[in-house]
Amino acid sequence: MTTSKIYLQESATGKLVAAELYDEVSDVHLAMWDATWRPLMKAHCAGRVVSGSPEDHHWDWKNKANHWRPLLQYHSFAIVCRHELQGLMLASDTAQARLAVQAGKPLV
């Protein structure tokens, strides 16, 4: 797993804050998601209709990891700032563009 130093803009102050971009979602990142994001999302969505909830409110990243980890077509990323998980991303690079001017070019 490779880590790159990146900077995020802190919303309260507008200042740039050092963070780490990981080129793989690890079990540590999944545990961070389970301990922090999952309960916050559940509380945020309590009492809301599904259409009023964030699109990813039902995502189970631990379950998703079981499906993507053995497949080479998927690439996962995590961002951590000040020892707190800031985001997870899963990307696939097997699709191809269908527009005539871009036909056959890879899509992520």
PDB file of N, CA and C in Angstrom:
ATOM      1  N   MET A   1       0.855  -1.176   0.000  1.00  0.00           N
ATOM      2  CA  MET A   1       0.000   0.000   0.000  1.00  0.00           C
ATOM      3  C   MET A   1       0.898   1.235   0.000  1.00  0.00           C
ATOM      4  N   THR A   2       0.555   2.184  -0.858  1.00  0.00           N
ATOM      5  CA  THR A   2       1.299   3.427  -0.962  1.00  0.00           C
ATOM      6  C   THR A   2       0.495   4.571  -0.350  1.00  0.00           C
ATOM      7  N   THR A   3       1.200   5.464   0.322  1.00  0.00           N
ATOM      8  CA  THR A   3       0.572   6.639   0.916  1.00  0.00           C
ATOM      9  C   THR A   3       1.179   7.890   0.295  1.00  0.00           C
ATOM     10  N   SER A   4       0.319   8.836  -0.059  1.00  0.00           N
ATOM     11  CA  SER A   4       0.772  10.119  -0.597  1.00  0.00           C
ATOM     12  C   SER A   4       0.295  11.237   0.313  1.00  0.00           C
ATOM     13  N   LYS A   5       1.134  12.244   0.495  1.00  0.00           N
ATOM     14  CA  LYS A   5       0.740  13.401   1.292  1.00  0.00           C
ATOM     15  C   LYS A   5      -0.091  14.325   0.410  1.00  0.00           C
ATOM     16  N   ILE A   6      -1.251  14.705   0.904  1.00  0.00           N
ATOM     17  CA  ILE A   6      -2.133  15.630   0.208  1.00  0.00           C
ATOM     18  C   ILE A   6      -2.578  16.705   1.195  1.00  0.00           C
ATOM     19  N   TYR A   7      -3.334  17.667   0.707  1.00  0.00           N
ATOM     20  CA  TYR A   7      -3.842  18.725   1.582  1.00  0.00           C
ATOM     21  C   TYR A   7      -5.345  18.870   1.373  1.00  0.00           C
ATOM     22  N   LEU A   8      -6.045  19.008   2.477  1.00  0.00           N
ATOM     23  CA  LEU A   8      -7.486  19.253   2.466  1.00  0.00           C
ATOM     24  C   LEU A   8      -7.735  20.646   3.023  1.00  0.00           C
ATOM     25  N   GLN A   9      -8.790  21.268   2.557  1.00  0.00           N
ATOM     26  CA  GLN A   9      -9.138  22.590   3.085  1.00  0.00           C
ATOM     27  C   GLN A   9     -10.088  22.412   4.252  1.00  0.00           C
ATOM     28  N   GLU A  10      -9.694  22.908   5.397  1.00  0.00           N
ATOM     29  CA  GLU A  10     -10.518  22.836   6.597  1.00  0.00           C
ATOM     30  C   GLU A  10     -11.685  23.808   6.451  1.00  0.00           C
ATOM     31  N   SER A  11     -12.896  23.293   6.557  1.00  0.00           N
ATOM     32  CA  SER A  11     -14.069  24.128   6.292  1.00  0.00           C
ATOM     33  C   SER A  11     -14.232  25.264   7.303  1.00  0.00           C
ATOM     34  N   ALA A  12     -13.856  25.042   8.547  1.00  0.00           N
ATOM     35  CA  ALA A  12     -14.049  26.074   9.573  1.00  0.00           C
ATOM     36  C   ALA A  12     -13.116  27.266   9.398  1.00  0.00           C
ATOM     37  N   THR A  13     -11.880  27.009   8.920  1.00  0.00           N
ATOM     38  CA  THR A  13     -10.893  28.080   8.851  1.00  0.00           C
ATOM     39  C   THR A  13     -10.445  28.418   7.434  1.00  0.00           C
ATOM     40  N   GLY A  14     -10.691  27.501   6.492  1.00  0.00           N
ATOM     41  CA  GLY A  14     -10.223  27.698   5.127  1.00  0.00           C
ATOM     42  C   GLY A  14      -8.754  27.347   4.940  1.00  0.00           C
ATOM     43  N   LYS A  15      -8.080  26.969   6.027  1.00  0.00           N
ATOM     44  CA  LYS A  15      -6.659  26.643   5.960  1.00  0.00           C
ATOM     45  C   LYS A  15      -6.455  25.235   5.397  1.00  0.00           C
ATOM     46  N   LEU A  16      -5.305  25.032   4.759  1.00  0.00           N
ATOM     47  CA  LEU A  16      -4.943  23.712   4.259  1.00  0.00           C
ATOM     48  C   LEU A  16      -4.366  22.875   5.394  1.00  0.00           C
ATOM     49  N   VAL A  17      -4.795  21.615   5.434  1.00  0.00           N
ATOM     50  CA  VAL A  17      -4.376  20.687   6.476  1.00  0.00           C
ATOM     51  C   VAL A  17      -3.787  19.453   5.799  1.00  0.00           C
ATOM     52  N   ALA A  18      -2.635  18.993   6.273  1.00  0.00           N
ATOM     53  CA  ALA A  18      -1.993  17.808   5.710  1.00  0.00           C
ATOM     54  C   ALA A  18      -2.844  16.569   5.974  1.00  0.00           C
ATOM     55  N   ALA A  19      -2.910  15.701   4.971  1.00  0.00           N
ATOM     56  CA  ALA A  19      -3.661  14.453   5.073  1.00  0.00           C
ATOM     57  C   ALA A  19      -2.914  13.373   4.292  1.00  0.00           C
ATOM     58  N   GLU A  20      -3.386  12.128   4.409  1.00  0.00           N
ATOM     59  CA  GLU A  20      -2.776  11.015   3.702  1.00  0.00           C
ATOM     60  C   GLU A  20      -3.793  10.400   2.750  1.00  0.00           C
ATOM     61  N   LEU A  21      -3.338  10.156   1.520  1.00  0.00           N
ATOM     62  CA  LEU A  21      -4.139   9.447   0.527  1.00  0.00           C
ATOM     63  C   LEU A  21      -3.547   8.050   0.387  1.00  0.00           C
ATOM     64  N   TYR A  22      -4.331   7.037   0.678  1.00  0.00           N
ATOM     65  CA  TYR A  22      -3.900   5.641   0.583  1.00  0.00           C
ATOM     66  C   TYR A  22      -4.433   5.060  -0.720  1.00  0.00           C
ATOM     67  N   ASP A  23      -3.596   4.293  -1.404  1.00  0.00           N
ATOM     68  CA  ASP A  23      -4.016   3.706  -2.679  1.00  0.00           C
ATOM     69  C   ASP A  23      -4.677   2.345  -2.496  1.00  0.00           C
ATOM     70  N   GLU A  24      -5.139   2.084  -1.296  1.00  0.00           N
ATOM     71  CA  GLU A  24      -5.871   0.847  -1.006  1.00  0.00           C
ATOM     72  C   GLU A  24      -6.665   1.041   0.279  1.00  0.00           C
ATOM     73  N   VAL A  25      -7.920   0.608   0.283  1.00  0.00           N
ATOM     74  CA  VAL A  25      -8.726   0.629   1.502  1.00  0.00           C
ATOM     75  C   VAL A  25      -8.356  -0.615   2.304  1.00  0.00           C
ATOM     76  N   SER A  26      -7.801  -0.400   3.481  1.00  0.00           N
ATOM     77  CA  SER A  26      -7.349  -1.500   4.334  1.00  0.00           C
ATOM     78  C   SER A  26      -8.413  -1.856   5.375  1.00  0.00           C
ATOM     79  N   ASP A  27      -8.151  -2.915   6.118  1.00  0.00           N
ATOM     80  CA  ASP A  27      -9.047  -3.286   7.217  1.00  0.00           C
ATOM     81  C   ASP A  27      -9.106  -2.192   8.273  1.00  0.00           C
ATOM     82  N   VAL A  28      -8.006  -1.465   8.456  1.00  0.00           N
ATOM     83  CA  VAL A  28      -7.987  -0.344   9.407  1.00  0.00           C
ATOM     84  C   VAL A  28      -8.968   0.736   8.955  1.00  0.00           C
ATOM     85  N   HIS A  29      -8.967   1.054   7.666  1.00  0.00           N
ATOM     86  CA  HIS A  29      -9.907   2.055   7.138  1.00  0.00           C
ATOM     87  C   HIS A  29     -11.346   1.581   7.292  1.00  0.00           C
ATOM     88  N   LEU A  30     -11.592   0.304   7.048  1.00  0.00           N
ATOM     89  CA  LEU A  30     -12.950  -0.232   7.204  1.00  0.00           C
ATOM     90  C   LEU A  30     -13.392  -0.172   8.658  1.00  0.00           C
ATOM     91  N   ALA A  31     -12.476  -0.426   9.577  1.00  0.00           N
ATOM     92  CA  ALA A  31     -12.808  -0.324  11.009  1.00  0.00           C
ATOM     93  C   ALA A  31     -13.108   1.124  11.386  1.00  0.00           C
ATOM     94  N   MET A  32     -12.355   2.069  10.813  1.00  0.00           N
ATOM     95  CA  MET A  32     -12.620   3.489  11.064  1.00  0.00           C
ATOM     96  C   MET A  32     -14.001   3.867  10.548  1.00  0.00           C
ATOM     97  N   TRP A  33     -14.348   3.388   9.355  1.00  0.00           N
ATOM     98  CA  TRP A  33     -15.671   3.645   8.778  1.00  0.00           C
ATOM     99  C   TRP A  33     -16.756   3.084   9.701  1.00  0.00           C
ATOM    100  N   ASP A  34     -16.572   1.861  10.159  1.00  0.00           N
ATOM    101  CA  ASP A  34     -17.574   1.192  10.991  1.00  0.00           C
ATOM    102  C   ASP A  34     -17.753   1.908  12.339  1.00  0.00           C
ATOM    103  N   ALA A  35     -16.662   2.424  12.880  1.00  0.00           N
ATOM    104  CA  ALA A  35     -16.715   3.067  14.201  1.00  0.00           C
ATOM    105  C   ALA A  35     -17.214   4.505  14.153  1.00  0.00           C
ATOM    106  N   THR A  36     -17.007   5.185  13.026  1.00  0.00           N
ATOM    107  CA  THR A  36     -17.355   6.616  12.995  1.00  0.00           C
ATOM    108  C   THR A  36     -18.448   6.941  11.988  1.00  0.00           C
ATOM    109  N   TRP A  37     -18.232   6.629  10.731  1.00  0.00           N
ATOM    110  CA  TRP A  37     -19.195   7.022   9.703  1.00  0.00           C
ATOM    111  C   TRP A  37     -20.512   6.288   9.814  1.00  0.00           C
ATOM    112  N   ARG A  38     -20.454   4.999  10.033  1.00  0.00           N
ATOM    113  CA  ARG A  38     -21.691   4.203  10.047  1.00  0.00           C
ATOM    114  C   ARG A  38     -22.680   4.724  11.102  1.00  0.00           C
ATOM    115  N   PRO A  39     -22.279   4.912  12.360  1.00  0.00           N
ATOM    116  CA  PRO A  39     -23.248   5.426  13.342  1.00  0.00           C
ATOM    117  C   PRO A  39     -23.718   6.850  13.041  1.00  0.00           C
ATOM    118  N   LEU A  40     -22.817   7.683  12.514  1.00  0.00           N
ATOM    119  CA  LEU A  40     -23.222   9.054  12.172  1.00  0.00           C
ATOM    120  C   LEU A  40     -24.233   9.060  11.031  1.00  0.00           C
ATOM    121  N   MET A  41     -24.025   8.210  10.032  1.00  0.00           N
ATOM    122  CA  MET A  41     -24.966   8.132   8.911  1.00  0.00           C
ATOM    123  C   MET A  41     -26.317   7.614   9.392  1.00  0.00           C
ATOM    124  N   LYS A  42     -26.278   6.618  10.265  1.00  0.00           N
ATOM    125  CA  LYS A  42     -27.531   6.062  10.793  1.00  0.00           C
ATOM    126  C   LYS A  42     -28.305   7.148  11.552  1.00  0.00           C
ATOM    127  N   ALA A  43     -27.608   7.915  12.372  1.00  0.00           N
ATOM    128  CA  ALA A  43     -28.257   8.987  13.127  1.00  0.00           C
ATOM    129  C   ALA A  43     -28.771  10.083  12.194  1.00  0.00           C
ATOM    130  N   HIS A  44     -27.985  10.408  11.181  1.00  0.00           N
ATOM    131  CA  HIS A  44     -28.375  11.449  10.221  1.00  0.00           C
ATOM    132  C   HIS A  44     -29.644  11.063   9.462  1.00  0.00           C
ATOM    133  N   CYS A  45     -29.775   9.787   9.135  1.00  0.00           N
ATOM    134  CA  CYS A  45     -30.896   9.330   8.315  1.00  0.00           C
ATOM    135  C   CYS A  45     -32.115   8.906   9.134  1.00  0.00           C
ATOM    136  N   ALA A  46     -31.989   8.841  10.440  1.00  0.00           N
ATOM    137  CA  ALA A  46     -33.104   8.405  11.287  1.00  0.00           C
ATOM    138  C   ALA A  46     -34.321   9.288  11.056  1.00  0.00           C
ATOM    139  N   GLY A  47     -35.427   8.669  10.727  1.00  0.00           N
ATOM    140  CA  GLY A  47     -36.671   9.387  10.527  1.00  0.00           C
ATOM    141  C   GLY A  47     -36.831  10.024   9.160  1.00  0.00           C
ATOM    142  N   ARG A  48     -35.833   9.936   8.298  1.00  0.00           N
ATOM    143  CA  ARG A  48     -35.921  10.512   6.949  1.00  0.00           C
ATOM    144  C   ARG A  48     -36.496   9.488   5.984  1.00  0.00           C
ATOM    145  N   VAL A  49     -37.165   9.977   4.981  1.00  0.00           N
ATOM    146  CA  VAL A  49     -37.580   9.096   3.892  1.00  0.00           C
ATOM    147  C   VAL A  49     -36.340   8.800   3.067  1.00  0.00           C
ATOM    148  N   VAL A  50     -36.331   7.668   2.390  1.00  0.00           N
ATOM    149  CA  VAL A  50     -35.153   7.250   1.637  1.00  0.00           C
ATOM    150  C   VAL A  50     -34.711   8.311   0.637  1.00  0.00           C
ATOM    151  N   SER A  51     -35.653   8.973  -0.028  1.00  0.00           N
ATOM    152  CA  SER A  51     -35.284   9.983  -1.026  1.00  0.00           C
ATOM    153  C   SER A  51     -34.599  11.200  -0.402  1.00  0.00           C
ATOM    154  N   GLY A  52     -34.744  11.391   0.908  1.00  0.00           N
ATOM    155  CA  GLY A  52     -34.106  12.508   1.586  1.00  0.00           C
ATOM    156  C   GLY A  52     -32.777  12.146   2.217  1.00  0.00           C
ATOM    157  N   SER A  53     -32.340  10.900   2.039  1.00  0.00           N
ATOM    158  CA  SER A  53     -31.080  10.435   2.613  1.00  0.00           C
ATOM    159  C   SER A  53     -29.966  10.504   1.578  1.00  0.00           C
ATOM    160  N   PRO A  54     -28.722  10.620   2.018  1.00  0.00           N
ATOM    161  CA  PRO A  54     -27.605  10.596   1.062  1.00  0.00           C
ATOM    162  C   PRO A  54     -27.622   9.297   0.252  1.00  0.00           C
ATOM    163  N   GLU A  55     -27.132   9.384  -0.976  1.00  0.00           N
ATOM    164  CA  GLU A  55     -27.160   8.237  -1.876  1.00  0.00           C
ATOM    165  C   GLU A  55     -26.462   7.010  -1.279  1.00  0.00           C
ATOM    166  N   ASP A  56     -25.421   7.234  -0.490  1.00  0.00           N
ATOM    167  CA  ASP A  56     -24.638   6.120   0.052  1.00  0.00           C
ATOM    168  C   ASP A  56     -25.061   5.714   1.463  1.00  0.00           C
ATOM    169  N   HIS A  57     -26.230   6.133   1.901  1.00  0.00           N
ATOM    170  CA  HIS A  57     -26.634   5.862   3.285  1.00  0.00           C
ATOM    171  C   HIS A  57     -26.702   4.380   3.629  1.00  0.00           C
ATOM    172  N   HIS A  58     -26.916   3.540   2.657  1.00  0.00           N
ATOM    173  CA  HIS A  58     -27.074   2.104   2.922  1.00  0.00           C
ATOM    174  C   HIS A  58     -25.827   1.286   2.593  1.00  0.00           C
ATOM    175  N   TRP A  59     -24.763   1.922   2.133  1.00  0.00           N
ATOM    176  CA  TRP A  59     -23.567   1.191   1.731  1.00  0.00           C
ATOM    177  C   TRP A  59     -22.898   0.540   2.925  1.00  0.00           C
ATOM    178  N   ASP A  60     -22.518  -0.705   2.746  1.00  0.00           N
ATOM    179  CA  ASP A  60     -21.770  -1.456   3.755  1.00  0.00           C
ATOM    180  C   ASP A  60     -20.382  -1.697   3.168  1.00  0.00           C
ATOM    181  N   TRP A  61     -19.429  -0.867   3.533  1.00  0.00           N
ATOM    182  CA  TRP A  61     -18.094  -0.940   2.946  1.00  0.00           C
ATOM    183  C   TRP A  61     -17.391  -2.250   3.256  1.00  0.00           C
ATOM    184  N   LYS A  62     -17.664  -2.844   4.412  1.00  0.00           N
ATOM    185  CA  LYS A  62     -17.040  -4.137   4.727  1.00  0.00           C
ATOM    186  C   LYS A  62     -17.534  -5.205   3.760  1.00  0.00           C
ATOM    187  N   ASN A  63     -18.812  -5.209   3.475  1.00  0.00           N
ATOM    188  CA  ASN A  63     -19.381  -6.167   2.526  1.00  0.00           C
ATOM    189  C   ASN A  63     -18.854  -5.892   1.117  1.00  0.00           C
ATOM    190  N   LYS A  64     -18.786  -4.630   0.730  1.00  0.00           N
ATOM    191  CA  LYS A  64     -18.256  -4.278  -0.590  1.00  0.00           C
ATOM    192  C   LYS A  64     -16.818  -4.772  -0.746  1.00  0.00           C
ATOM    193  N   ALA A  65     -16.021  -4.633   0.313  1.00  0.00           N
ATOM    194  CA  ALA A  65     -14.615  -5.053   0.261  1.00  0.00           C
ATOM    195  C   ALA A  65     -14.491  -6.543  -0.029  1.00  0.00           C
ATOM    196  N   ASN A  66     -15.380  -7.341   0.506  1.00  0.00           N
ATOM    197  CA  ASN A  66     -15.343  -8.785   0.248  1.00  0.00           C
ATOM    198  C   ASN A  66     -15.518  -9.088  -1.230  1.00  0.00           C
ATOM    199  N   HIS A  67     -16.238  -8.247  -1.940  1.00  0.00           N
ATOM    200  CA  HIS A  67     -16.484  -8.464  -3.368  1.00  0.00           C
ATOM    201  C   HIS A  67     -15.369  -7.912  -4.245  1.00  0.00           C
ATOM    202  N   TRP A  68     -14.821  -6.718  -3.937  1.00  0.00           N
ATOM    203  CA  TRP A  68     -13.856  -6.104  -4.848  1.00  0.00           C
ATOM    204  C   TRP A  68     -12.423  -6.562  -4.616  1.00  0.00           C
ATOM    205  N   ARG A  69     -12.045  -6.926  -3.402  1.00  0.00           N
ATOM    206  CA  ARG A  69     -10.634  -7.220  -3.128  1.00  0.00           C
ATOM    207  C   ARG A  69     -10.030  -8.312  -4.022  1.00  0.00           C
ATOM    208  N   PRO A  70     -10.750  -9.381  -4.331  1.00  0.00           N
ATOM    209  CA  PRO A  70     -10.113 -10.400  -5.180  1.00  0.00           C
ATOM    210  C   PRO A  70     -10.099 -10.057  -6.673  1.00  0.00           C
ATOM    211  N   LEU A  71     -10.704  -8.947  -7.075  1.00  0.00           N
ATOM    212  CA  LEU A  71     -10.818  -8.601  -8.494  1.00  0.00           C
ATOM    213  C   LEU A  71      -9.834  -7.499  -8.882  1.00  0.00           C
ATOM    214  N   LEU A  72      -9.075  -7.727  -9.954  1.00  0.00           N
ATOM    215  CA  LEU A  72      -8.068  -6.770 -10.395  1.00  0.00           C
ATOM    216  C   LEU A  72      -8.652  -5.501 -11.009  1.00  0.00           C
ATOM    217  N   GLN A  73      -9.906  -5.540 -11.440  1.00  0.00           N
ATOM    218  CA  GLN A  73     -10.491  -4.382 -12.117  1.00  0.00           C
ATOM    219  C   GLN A  73     -10.819  -3.235 -11.166  1.00  0.00           C
ATOM    220  N   TYR A  74     -10.782  -3.470  -9.871  1.00  0.00           N
ATOM    221  CA  TYR A  74     -11.149  -2.436  -8.905  1.00  0.00           C
ATOM    222  C   TYR A  74      -9.925  -1.844  -8.218  1.00  0.00           C
ATOM    223  N   HIS A  75     -10.012  -0.549  -7.957  1.00  0.00           N
ATOM    224  CA  HIS A  75      -8.963   0.179  -7.244  1.00  0.00           C
ATOM    225  C   HIS A  75      -9.658   0.959  -6.124  1.00  0.00           C
ATOM    226  N   SER A  76      -9.147   0.846  -4.926  1.00  0.00           N
ATOM    227  CA  SER A  76      -9.782   1.527  -3.796  1.00  0.00           C
ATOM    228  C   SER A  76      -8.824   2.552  -3.201  1.00  0.00           C
ATOM    229  N   PHE A  77      -9.407   3.590  -2.605  1.00  0.00           N
ATOM    230  CA  PHE A  77      -8.636   4.688  -2.046  1.00  0.00           C
ATOM    231  C   PHE A  77      -9.269   5.141  -0.736  1.00  0.00           C
ATOM    232  N   ALA A  78      -8.435   5.643   0.174  1.00  0.00           N
ATOM    233  CA  ALA A  78      -8.911   6.187   1.445  1.00  0.00           C
ATOM    234  C   ALA A  78      -8.138   7.468   1.736  1.00  0.00           C
ATOM    235  N   ILE A  79      -8.817   8.415   2.370  1.00  0.00           N
ATOM    236  CA  ILE A  79      -8.167   9.646   2.819  1.00  0.00           C
ATOM    237  C   ILE A  79      -8.336   9.737   4.329  1.00  0.00           C
ATOM    238  N   VAL A  80      -7.215   9.987   5.009  1.00  0.00           N
ATOM    239  CA  VAL A  80      -7.204  10.132   6.464  1.00  0.00           C
ATOM    240  C   VAL A  80      -6.534  11.456   6.805  1.00  0.00           C
ATOM    241  N   CYS A  81      -7.173  12.211   7.681  1.00  0.00           N
ATOM    242  CA  CYS A  81      -6.627  13.496   8.127  1.00  0.00           C
ATOM    243  C   CYS A  81      -6.753  13.572   9.643  1.00  0.00           C
ATOM    244  N   ARG A  82      -5.632  13.858  10.301  1.00  0.00           N
ATOM    245  CA  ARG A  82      -5.628  13.957  11.768  1.00  0.00           C
ATOM    246  C   ARG A  82      -6.201  12.690  12.406  1.00  0.00           C
ATOM    247  N   HIS A  83      -5.837  11.552  11.858  1.00  0.00           N
ATOM    248  CA  HIS A  83      -6.236  10.233  12.358  1.00  0.00           C
ATOM    249  C   HIS A  83      -7.738   9.969  12.226  1.00  0.00           C
ATOM    250  N   GLU A  84      -8.422  10.741  11.378  1.00  0.00           N
ATOM    251  CA  GLU A  84      -9.845  10.531  11.135  1.00  0.00           C
ATOM    252  C   GLU A  84     -10.080  10.259   9.659  1.00  0.00           C
ATOM    253  N   LEU A  85     -10.914   9.268   9.380  1.00  0.00           N
ATOM    254  CA  LEU A  85     -11.258   8.921   8.011  1.00  0.00           C
ATOM    255  C   LEU A  85     -12.063  10.051   7.386  1.00  0.00           C
ATOM    256  N   GLN A  86     -11.639  10.488   6.209  1.00  0.00           N
ATOM    257  CA  GLN A  86     -12.326  11.564   5.503  1.00  0.00           C
ATOM    258  C   GLN A  86     -13.101  11.066   4.292  1.00  0.00           C
ATOM    259  N   GLY A  87     -12.697   9.921   3.743  1.00  0.00           N
ATOM    260  CA  GLY A  87     -13.405   9.423   2.578  1.00  0.00           C
ATOM    261  C   GLY A  87     -12.866   8.092   2.085  1.00  0.00           C
ATOM    262  N   LEU A  88     -13.730   7.350   1.408  1.00  0.00           N
ATOM    263  CA  LEU A  88     -13.386   6.093   0.756  1.00  0.00           C
ATOM    264  C   LEU A  88     -13.869   6.186  -0.685  1.00  0.00           C
ATOM    265  N   MET A  89     -13.141   5.546  -1.591  1.00  0.00           N
ATOM    266  CA  MET A  89     -13.569   5.529  -2.982  1.00  0.00           C
ATOM    267  C   MET A  89     -13.211   4.183  -3.595  1.00  0.00           C
ATOM    268  N   LEU A  90     -14.113   3.699  -4.437  1.00  0.00           N
ATOM    269  CA  LEU A  90     -13.888   2.480  -5.197  1.00  0.00           C
ATOM    270  C   LEU A  90     -14.064   2.826  -6.662  1.00  0.00           C
ATOM    271  N   ALA A  91     -13.071   2.473  -7.482  1.00  0.00           N
ATOM    272  CA  ALA A  91     -13.119   2.786  -8.909  1.00  0.00           C
ATOM    273  C   ALA A  91     -12.854   1.523  -9.724  1.00  0.00           C
ATOM    274  N   SER A  92     -13.502   1.448 -10.875  1.00  0.00           N
ATOM    275  CA  SER A  92     -13.274   0.359 -11.817  1.00  0.00           C
ATOM    276  C   SER A  92     -12.829   0.973 -13.133  1.00  0.00           C
ATOM    277  N   ASP A  93     -11.875   0.338 -13.800  1.00  0.00           N
ATOM    278  CA  ASP A  93     -11.361   0.894 -15.047  1.00  0.00           C
ATOM    279  C   ASP A  93     -11.583  -0.025 -16.245  1.00  0.00           C
ATOM    280  N   THR A  94     -12.672  -0.789 -16.218  1.00  0.00           N
ATOM    281  CA  THR A  94     -12.908  -1.731 -17.311  1.00  0.00           C
ATOM    282  C   THR A  94     -13.913  -1.232 -18.343  1.00  0.00           C
ATOM    283  N   ALA A  95     -14.607  -0.137 -18.049  1.00  0.00           N
ATOM    284  CA  ALA A  95     -15.605   0.377 -18.999  1.00  0.00           C
ATOM    285  C   ALA A  95     -14.915   1.185 -20.096  1.00  0.00           C
ATOM    286  N   GLN A  96     -15.579   1.264 -21.252  1.00  0.00           N
ATOM    287  CA  GLN A  96     -15.058   2.041 -22.369  1.00  0.00           C
ATOM    288  C   GLN A  96     -16.105   3.037 -22.845  1.00  0.00           C
ATOM    289  N   ALA A  97     -15.615   4.195 -23.308  1.00  0.00           N
ATOM    290  CA  ALA A  97     -16.499   5.245 -23.812  1.00  0.00           C
ATOM    291  C   ALA A  97     -17.241   4.763 -25.054  1.00  0.00           C
ATOM    292  N   ARG A  98     -18.485   5.238 -25.212  1.00  0.00           N
ATOM    293  CA  ARG A  98     -19.297   4.852 -26.373  1.00  0.00           C
ATOM    294  C   ARG A  98     -19.544   6.010 -27.342  1.00  0.00           C
ATOM    295  N   LEU A  99     -19.275   7.243 -26.922  1.00  0.00           N
ATOM    296  CA  LEU A  99     -19.434   8.370 -27.832  1.00  0.00           C
ATOM    297  C   LEU A  99     -18.453   8.209 -28.992  1.00  0.00           C
ATOM    298  N   ALA A 100     -18.886   8.533 -30.191  1.00  0.00           N
ATOM    299  CA  ALA A 100     -18.060   8.323 -31.384  1.00  0.00           C
ATOM    300  C   ALA A 100     -16.684   8.978 -31.273  1.00  0.00           C
ATOM    301  N   VAL A 101     -16.622  10.186 -30.722  1.00  0.00           N
ATOM    302  CA  VAL A 101     -15.344  10.897 -30.655  1.00  0.00           C
ATOM    303  C   VAL A 101     -14.408  10.306 -29.599  1.00  0.00           C
ATOM    304  N   GLN A 102     -14.942   9.483 -28.691  1.00  0.00           N
ATOM    305  CA  GLN A 102     -14.130   8.895 -27.641  1.00  0.00           C
ATOM    306  C   GLN A 102     -14.229   7.369 -27.593  1.00  0.00           C
ATOM    307  N   ALA A 103     -14.872   6.766 -28.560  1.00  0.00           N
ATOM    308  CA  ALA A 103     -15.129   5.327 -28.562  1.00  0.00           C
ATOM    309  C   ALA A 103     -13.870   4.515 -28.286  1.00  0.00           C
ATOM    310  N   GLY A 104     -14.025   3.582 -27.356  1.00  0.00           N
ATOM    311  CA  GLY A 104     -12.932   2.680 -27.016  1.00  0.00           C
ATOM    312  C   GLY A 104     -11.969   3.190 -25.957  1.00  0.00           C
ATOM    313  N   LYS A 105     -12.044   4.470 -25.613  1.00  0.00           N
ATOM    314  CA  LYS A 105     -11.154   5.007 -24.577  1.00  0.00           C
ATOM    315  C   LYS A 105     -11.635   4.521 -23.208  1.00  0.00           C
ATOM    316  N   PRO A 106     -10.709   4.299 -22.296  1.00  0.00           N
ATOM    317  CA  PRO A 106     -11.100   3.786 -20.969  1.00  0.00           C
ATOM    318  C   PRO A 106     -11.852   4.831 -20.148  1.00  0.00           C
ATOM    319  N   LEU A 107     -12.796   4.353 -19.360  1.00  0.00           N
ATOM    320  CA  LEU A 107     -13.533   5.181 -18.412  1.00  0.00           C
ATOM    321  C   LEU A 107     -13.266   4.658 -17.007  1.00  0.00           C
ATOM    322  N   VAL A 108     -13.270   5.544 -16.050  1.00  0.00           N
ATOM    323  CA  VAL A 108     -13.155   5.135 -14.651  1.00  0.00           C
ATOM    324  C   VAL A 108     -14.484   5.405 -14.002  1.00  0.00           C
TER     325      VAL A 108
END
